[in-house]
Structures are given as structure tokens and as C-alpha cells.
Protein backbone atom coordinates (compact mmCIF):
# COMPACT_ATOMS: atom_id res chain seq x y z
CA MET A 1 0.38 -3.68 -5.64
CA MET A 2 0.47 -1.28 -2.56
CA LEU A 3 -2.79 -0.05 -0.96
CA ASP A 4 -3.40 2.24 2.09
CA LEU A 5 -6.19 0.14 3.79
CA ASP A 6 -7.15 2.96 6.06
CA GLY A 7 -7.39 6.18 3.84
CA ASN A 8 -8.90 9.00 6.07
CA ALA A 9 -9.74 7.30 8.84
CA ASN A 10 -10.37 8.91 11.98
CA GLY A 11 -7.95 6.77 13.92
CA SER A 12 -5.86 3.84 13.07
CA TRP A 13 -4.94 0.30 13.70
CA PRO A 14 -4.67 -1.22 16.12
CA ASP A 15 -7.65 0.38 17.49
CA PRO A 16 -10.85 -0.79 15.99
CA VAL A 17 -11.37 2.08 14.00
CA ALA A 18 -13.62 1.81 10.38
CA ALA A 19 -11.61 2.42 7.31
CA GLY A 20 -11.88 6.00 6.10
CA GLU A 21 -14.43 6.91 3.57
CA ASN A 22 -11.72 7.10 0.40
CA ALA A 23 -10.06 3.31 1.28
CA PRO A 24 -8.27 1.71 0.13
CA VAL A 25 -5.82 4.15 -1.58
CA ARG A 26 -3.47 2.62 -4.51
CA HIS A 27 -0.10 3.58 -3.82
CA TRP A 28 1.75 1.15 -6.23
CA ILE A 29 0.72 -1.14 -9.05
CA ALA A 30 3.21 -2.96 -11.34
CA GLY A 31 2.79 -6.06 -13.43
CA ASN A 32 4.53 -8.11 -15.75
CA ILE A 33 7.60 -8.13 -13.38
CA PRO A 34 9.80 -10.87 -14.80
CA GLY A 35 10.92 -13.57 -12.35
CA ASP A 36 14.24 -13.15 -12.54
CA LEU A 37 14.23 -9.74 -11.73
CA LEU A 38 12.97 -10.19 -8.56
CA ARG A 39 15.49 -13.05 -7.99
CA GLY A 40 18.51 -11.12 -9.01
CA THR A 41 18.84 -7.51 -8.86
CA GLY A 42 15.69 -6.00 -7.84
CA TYR A 43 13.32 -3.40 -9.07
CA VAL A 44 13.93 0.03 -9.78
CA GLU A 45 11.02 2.10 -11.33
CA SER A 46 13.71 3.98 -13.29
CA GLY A 47 15.92 1.49 -14.16
CA SER A 48 17.24 0.81 -17.58
CA VAL A 49 17.89 -2.83 -17.32
CA SER A 50 15.80 -4.60 -20.26
CA ALA A 51 13.62 -6.56 -17.98
CA ILE A 52 12.63 -3.61 -16.44
CA LYS A 53 11.54 -2.04 -19.86
CA LYS A 54 9.18 -5.25 -19.97
CA MET A 55 7.42 -4.17 -17.09
CA SER A 56 3.83 -2.44 -16.62
CA VAL A 57 3.66 0.40 -14.02
CA LEU A 58 0.25 1.18 -13.47
CA GLN A 59 0.48 3.38 -10.60
CA PRO A 60 3.56 4.73 -9.98
CA TYR A 61 5.02 4.45 -6.40
CA ARG A 62 3.59 7.08 -4.19
CA ALA A 63 5.44 7.15 -0.72
CA PRO A 64 3.03 7.14 2.24
CA HIS A 65 1.23 10.44 3.43
CA ILE A 66 0.50 10.58 6.94
CA PRO A 67 -1.18 13.79 7.96
CA VAL A 68 -2.51 12.64 11.43
CA VAL A 69 -1.56 9.24 13.54
CA SER A 70 -0.64 6.62 11.24
CA ASP A 71 -1.93 4.12 8.61
CA ARG A 72 -1.87 0.47 7.40
CA TYR A 73 -0.14 -0.16 4.22
CA GLY A 74 -0.51 -3.61 2.60
CA ILE A 75 1.92 -4.82 -0.27
CA TYR A 76 0.66 -7.94 -2.50
CA LEU A 77 2.45 -10.07 -4.76
CA PHE A 78 0.42 -11.80 -7.57
CA GLU A 79 1.99 -14.62 -10.08
CA GLN A 80 1.20 -14.06 -13.57
CA THR A 81 1.06 -17.15 -15.69
CA LYS A 82 1.31 -15.00 -18.79
CA ARG A 83 1.98 -11.48 -20.15
CA ILE A 84 -1.13 -9.76 -19.32
CA ASP A 85 -2.11 -6.50 -21.39
CA PHE A 86 -3.25 -3.91 -18.60
CA ALA A 87 -5.58 -1.24 -19.43
CA VAL A 88 -4.20 2.36 -17.84
CA LEU A 89 -5.81 2.82 -14.59
CA SER A 90 -8.35 5.98 -14.72
CA GLY A 91 -9.82 8.05 -12.33
CA PRO A 92 -8.80 9.01 -8.79
CA ILE A 93 -6.39 6.75 -6.62
CA THR A 94 -8.68 6.39 -3.55
CA ASN A 95 -11.48 4.07 -3.33
CA PHE A 96 -9.57 1.71 -5.59
CA ASP A 97 -12.11 -1.22 -6.51
CA TYR A 98 -8.99 -3.84 -5.99
CA SER A 99 -11.31 -6.82 -6.12
CA THR A 100 -12.63 -6.01 -9.65
CA PHE A 101 -8.84 -5.41 -10.82
CA LEU A 102 -8.40 -8.87 -9.26
CA ASP A 103 -11.19 -10.33 -11.11
CA THR A 104 -10.42 -9.00 -14.36
CA TYR A 105 -6.86 -10.04 -14.84
CA GLN A 106 -7.41 -13.37 -12.98
CA LEU A 107 -4.80 -12.83 -10.60
CA GLY A 108 -6.18 -14.84 -7.77
CA ASP A 109 -4.89 -15.20 -4.15
CA PRO A 110 -1.26 -13.16 -3.38
CA LYS A 111 1.50 -15.69 -3.53
CA ALA A 112 2.99 -13.36 -0.87
CA SER A 113 2.30 -10.41 1.01
CA ASN A 114 3.39 -8.37 3.65
CA PHE A 115 1.99 -4.98 5.67
CA PHE A 116 3.52 -2.10 7.60
CA VAL A 117 2.13 1.02 10.03
CA ALA A 118 3.30 4.51 8.67
CA ILE A 119 3.17 6.38 11.90
CA TYR A 120 3.00 10.49 11.54
CA THR A 121 5.71 12.42 13.22
CA SER A 122 5.95 16.26 13.19
CA GLU A 123 9.64 16.36 12.44
CA SER A 124 11.35 15.46 9.69
CA PRO A 125 13.91 11.95 10.64
CA PHE A 126 16.49 13.79 8.65
CA SER A 127 16.07 17.59 10.57
CA GLY A 128 18.64 16.70 12.98
CA LYS A 129 15.68 17.28 16.26
CA PRO A 130 15.59 14.63 18.39
CA PHE A 131 12.31 12.44 18.07
CA HIS A 132 10.22 12.55 21.50
CA GLY A 133 7.17 11.43 19.80
CA ASN A 134 3.77 12.63 19.36
CA ASN A 135 1.14 13.00 21.98
CA VAL A 136 -1.76 11.11 20.32
CA SER A 137 -3.14 9.50 23.36
CA GLY A 138 -6.52 11.02 22.85
CA VAL A 139 -7.19 9.20 19.50
CA TRP A 140 -4.56 6.27 19.09
CA HIS A 141 -3.86 3.18 20.93
CA GLN A 142 -6.74 3.23 23.03
CA GLY A 143 -7.74 -0.71 23.01
CA TYR A 144 -4.02 -1.53 22.14
CA GLY A 145 -4.03 -4.92 20.79
CA LYS A 146 -7.71 -5.50 20.54
CA GLY A 147 -8.28 -4.24 17.09
CA LYS A 148 -8.33 -6.03 13.75
CA PHE A 149 -5.77 -5.69 11.13
CA ALA A 150 -8.28 -6.72 8.31
CA PRO A 151 -11.25 -4.28 7.56
CA SER A 152 -14.70 -5.82 8.25
CA GLN A 153 -16.10 -7.70 5.35
CA GLN A 154 -18.94 -5.61 3.97
């Protein structure tokens, strides 16, 4: 599971800025991933390996989209004790109720997780133009190192 924890926040981590009104946004959810696939060749959504065909892709991968500043993304891996018959995810990808999703399928706590911060740049990294950064000093890193990674509990 990959989630955008900021949505359309007005600012970003590490500044103490509340998540946006459409957070969290689901960017990728796959289930029934055979463990040997994780230990072996890895996962490619369009792959033809028989193990990949046994998987359930509930939300196809959606690359990060950073219109301004930056967003935090979390990637979570849950262990399944048996194959799950997942229902189709409907509705918008925004305001994803991950707690209900985890409870519905009894996934418990993640077995592994990681996060990254995707930062807005005005130049494509493949444009050939040198990257000089963007002046976002008016809205970003005002309290560098004082922010919280996890959104406040409601």
C-alpha cells in the first residue's frame, strides 16, 4: 500500500502543517502477493510470471504528483495469512479510509514500511537543464526539524 499522507496540504513536512482536506490519497494497493515473488525476481504490475497473475491489484500504481512544495508518501507491507477476496475499490482515490480497509481485511500492523518525501521541481530531471532548486522559502522549511512525520491523531 502506498499513500500520499499530505494530499493538498498548504506546505509540507517537516513543517508542522496539517494534512490537506483530501488526504490521504491512495497511490497503490496490491494484495495476495506471493512471498516468493518478494524474495525473488520482484514485482512488475504488467509482468507475465504466473505468481504475478495470482495477485490482486486494487489500486494500480499512480506516480506521485507534486504541484507545489512537497508531499510525504508512505509505503506499507502487510502479511496475509491466507488469500483474500478483496472487493473492488470504488470512489475517488482521495480521503482513503485506510483504517476501515485494514480492519475489513484484518491486516493488522505493517510488517515493513518506509517513507519518502517527493519534492516539486519546475524542471524535468530529463530536460538537460541544470537544476538550481526552487525558491519555496516563503512556504517551506520554516521550522526545519521541528515538524512531525505522523499526522496528529483525531
